[in-house]
């Protein structure tokens, strides 16, 4: 029997997935390349992961099937876009986008299954992931601009 999730768990799921979507779109808004994820996709992924977890919280079969489907979807996207180049001529290959999509999917069960005293773990998860992705991408952008500048110019 499916148990109803707590109101605080459902609110945490929606709030954190929206936050993750806002951070994702804020970072990738400057690019003309379309990537899976964002303000609509992440709440849907988190809700799907949470609902599939609630169907069978002991054996995780529906949740695992959903994770496999998500992996196939991301693999198809990655395969289609692996040869593209960005505006600077660099390969448009990165694991941040698939990792954030999987993170959004996993956020659903974490938010719904964690007891109220441990919900701080799921609250810090999207923040640390989005901060880490932003730090890496800013570092990559700085290192790319340093390579393209003539020697001696900083």
Foldseek 3Di string as FASTA:
>chain_A
DFDDFDPQLLVLLLVLQQVLQVLVCVVCVVFPDDAPGHNPLLSVLLQLLQVLCRVPVPPSPSNVVSLVVLVVVVVVVCVVQQADAGPVRHGPDDCLRSVSSSVSNVLNNLSRVDDPVPNVVSVCVSVVSSVVVVVVVVVVVVVVVVVVDDPPDD
